[in-house]
Protein backbone atom coordinates (compact mmCIF):
# COMPACT_ATOMS: atom_id res chain seq x y z
CA UNK A 1 87.71 86.25 86.72
CA UNK A 2 86.44 82.71 86.68
CA UNK A 3 86.08 80.49 89.71
CA UNK A 4 89.41 78.73 89.06
CA UNK A 5 91.44 81.90 89.24
CA UNK A 6 89.26 83.37 91.98
CA UNK A 7 89.83 80.23 94.02
CA UNK A 8 93.58 80.52 93.58
CA UNK A 9 93.44 84.29 94.01
CA UNK A 10 91.56 83.94 97.28
CA UNK A 11 94.24 81.47 98.32
CA UNK A 12 97.00 83.39 96.53
CA UNK A 13 96.89 86.29 93.76
CA UNK A 14 98.24 87.97 90.49
CA UNK A 15 100.10 90.49 87.78
CA UNK A 16 103.15 93.37 86.99
CA UNK A 17 106.10 95.07 85.15
CA UNK A 18 107.50 94.07 81.78
CA UNK A 19 110.99 93.00 81.08
CA UNK A 20 111.76 93.16 77.38
CA UNK A 21 115.12 92.96 75.72
CA UNK A 22 115.89 93.41 72.09
CA UNK A 23 117.79 90.61 70.46
CA UNK A 24 119.93 91.30 67.45
CA UNK A 25 119.65 88.74 64.68
CA UNK A 26 122.24 88.73 61.93
CA UNK A 27 120.77 88.14 58.48
CA UNK A 28 122.42 87.76 55.14
CA UNK A 29 122.10 90.75 52.82
CA UNK A 30 121.86 90.69 49.05
CA UNK A 31 125.63 90.42 48.78
CA UNK A 32 127.31 87.29 49.98
CA UNK A 33 130.27 89.24 51.34
CA UNK A 34 128.56 91.02 54.25
CA UNK A 35 125.83 90.59 56.81
CA UNK A 36 123.56 93.20 58.31
CA UNK A 37 122.17 93.22 61.83
CA UNK A 38 118.43 93.63 62.17
CA UNK A 39 116.92 94.44 65.52
CA UNK A 40 113.37 93.07 65.70
CA UNK A 41 110.77 95.51 66.95
CA UNK A 42 109.96 94.92 70.61
CA UNK A 43 106.47 93.64 71.25
CA UNK A 44 104.10 95.90 73.14
CA UNK A 45 102.69 94.69 76.45
CA UNK A 46 99.34 94.13 74.75
CA UNK A 47 101.00 92.00 72.07
CA UNK A 48 102.88 89.98 74.69
CA UNK A 49 99.71 89.39 76.70
CA UNK A 50 97.38 88.55 73.83
CA UNK A 51 99.37 86.29 71.50
CA UNK A 52 98.77 82.92 73.22
CA UNK A 53 97.00 81.05 76.03
CA UNK A 54 98.36 81.42 79.58
CA UNK A 55 98.45 78.49 82.02
CA UNK A 56 99.05 78.85 85.77
CA UNK A 57 102.31 77.10 86.65
CA UNK A 58 103.02 78.48 90.13
CA UNK A 59 101.10 80.15 92.95
CA UNK A 60 102.68 81.28 96.19
CA UNK A 61 101.84 83.08 99.39
CA UNK A 62 104.29 85.19 101.38
CA UNK A 63 104.40 84.80 104.28
CA UNK A 64 103.33 81.21 104.16
CA UNK A 65 100.81 79.56 106.43
CA UNK A 66 101.43 76.87 109.01
CA UNK A 67 100.11 73.42 108.19
CA UNK A 68 98.10 72.42 111.29
CA UNK A 69 98.99 68.75 110.85
CA UNK A 70 102.75 69.03 110.34
CA UNK A 71 103.64 72.49 111.61
CA UNK A 72 105.48 73.16 108.34
CA UNK A 73 105.29 76.65 106.84
CA UNK A 74 103.78 76.38 103.38
CA UNK A 75 104.23 79.00 100.67
CA UNK A 76 103.39 76.87 97.60
CA UNK A 77 99.64 77.30 97.19
CA UNK A 78 99.50 75.52 93.82
CA UNK A 79 100.52 72.22 95.43
CA UNK A 80 97.27 72.36 97.44
CA UNK A 81 95.11 73.21 94.43
CA UNK A 82 93.06 70.32 92.99
CA UNK A 83 94.12 69.10 89.53
CA UNK A 84 90.72 70.10 88.15
CA UNK A 85 91.56 73.74 88.92
CA UNK A 86 95.08 73.63 87.49
CA UNK A 87 94.55 72.45 83.90
CA UNK A 88 92.67 75.48 82.61
CA UNK A 89 94.04 78.46 80.72
CA UNK A 90 93.33 82.12 80.10
CA UNK A 91 93.29 83.84 76.73
CA UNK A 92 93.52 87.64 76.65
CA UNK A 93 92.10 89.24 73.50
CA UNK A 94 93.26 92.52 71.99
CA UNK A 95 89.71 93.91 72.27
CA UNK A 96 89.96 93.96 76.10
CA UNK A 97 88.05 90.73 76.69
CA UNK A 98 89.44 87.55 78.20
CA UNK A 99 88.27 83.95 78.20
CA UNK A 100 89.07 81.42 80.88
CA UNK A 101 88.75 77.79 79.85
CA UNK A 102 88.27 75.06 82.47
CA UNK A 103 90.52 72.65 80.57
CA UNK A 104 89.90 68.91 80.26
CA UNK A 105 89.26 68.38 83.98
CA UNK A 106 86.34 70.15 85.62
CA UNK A 107 85.70 70.12 89.36
CA UNK A 108 81.97 70.43 88.74
CA UNK A 109 80.65 69.03 85.45
CA UNK A 110 77.82 71.58 85.61
CA UNK A 111 80.26 74.51 85.49
CA UNK A 112 80.51 76.20 82.09
CA UNK A 113 83.55 75.23 80.00
CA UNK A 114 84.45 78.89 79.54
CA UNK A 115 83.81 82.19 81.28
CA UNK A 116 84.53 85.64 79.97
CA UNK A 117 85.29 89.07 81.30
CA UNK A 118 87.20 92.23 80.56
CA UNK A 119 90.78 93.24 81.18
CA UNK A 120 92.72 96.50 80.87
CA UNK A 121 96.08 97.91 81.80
CA UNK A 122 96.28 100.96 84.04
CA UNK A 123 97.86 104.08 82.52
CA UNK A 124 101.39 102.85 83.36
CA UNK A 125 100.75 99.31 82.07
CA UNK A 126 102.06 97.99 85.39
CA UNK A 127 98.68 96.95 86.76
CA UNK A 128 96.18 94.58 85.18
CA UNK A 129 92.53 95.32 85.93
CA UNK A 130 89.96 92.51 85.62
CA UNK A 131 86.28 93.27 85.08
CA UNK A 132 86.81 96.93 85.97
CA UNK A 133 87.43 96.31 89.67
CA UNK A 134 89.98 93.59 90.49
CA UNK A 135 93.53 94.83 90.03
CA UNK A 136 96.84 93.03 90.32
CA UNK A 137 100.44 94.14 89.93
CA UNK A 138 102.36 92.90 86.92
CA UNK A 139 105.75 91.71 88.17
CA UNK A 140 106.85 90.31 84.80
CA UNK A 141 105.37 90.13 81.33
CA UNK A 142 107.67 88.52 78.78
CA UNK A 143 107.34 86.40 75.66
CA UNK A 144 106.92 83.28 77.83
CA UNK A 145 106.04 84.32 81.39
CA UNK A 146 103.45 86.43 83.18
CA UNK A 147 103.85 86.98 86.92
CA UNK A 148 101.09 88.76 88.82
CA UNK A 149 100.95 89.67 92.48
CA UNK A 150 98.64 91.28 94.99
CA UNK A 151 98.92 92.15 98.64
CA UNK A 152 95.69 90.98 100.16
CA UNK A 153 93.69 93.43 102.27
CA UNK A 154 91.95 90.60 104.15
CA UNK A 155 95.31 89.18 105.23
CA UNK A 156 97.45 92.28 105.84
CA UNK A 157 101.00 92.08 104.59
CA UNK A 158 100.32 88.82 102.76
CA UNK A 159 101.36 88.82 99.12
CA UNK A 160 100.02 86.29 96.67
CA UNK A 161 101.89 85.67 93.42
CA UNK A 162 100.72 83.69 90.40
CA UNK A 163 103.03 82.68 87.58
CA UNK A 164 101.57 81.93 84.16
CA UNK A 165 103.45 80.27 81.33
CA UNK A 166 102.52 80.64 77.69
CA UNK A 167 101.14 77.47 76.15
C-alpha cells in the first residue's frame, strides 16, 4: 500500500463482504406485442473491484479518540487528513496488481506519482490481502462502493473503516 493509504490505515483501516442484487430489465423482443425480461449476469467480485478507480470518501475509527483541545470524541478520521492525501485513487487490475496514484495534490513533491503492489482475495473473497501480508475485511463491495475495515492490534478493540467510491 502506498503512503497515503498507509497513513490513513495507521489512523484508520480497510475492506469486506459483497452485496449484489440482480436487477431485471425489460427489453422489447422481436414482436411488438410482448416484452421479455432479461436478468443481467451478476458481476464477480473481481469484476466489481477492477472496473474503475476507487477514491477514499470516508474514514472512521470506532471507538473514536478524544480531541485534547476540545474534549470532543472524534470518529471521522478523514476530516483530519490533509487534502494532499485525500485526492488520490487506487486502481485494482485483474492480474492481481494495484496502482495508487497521488492525485493532483502531493504532500511531498519528491514522492512518486504512483506506487504499485499486489492484491488478492482470500479463499472466501471476504478479505482483501495487500502485498501478501496486509489483510482487511471487505464489509461491502458493490458497483459503486467499497468498504474495508480492520480491527487494529496496536489499539485493541479499535476498528478502522475506509469507504471508497468508484470514480
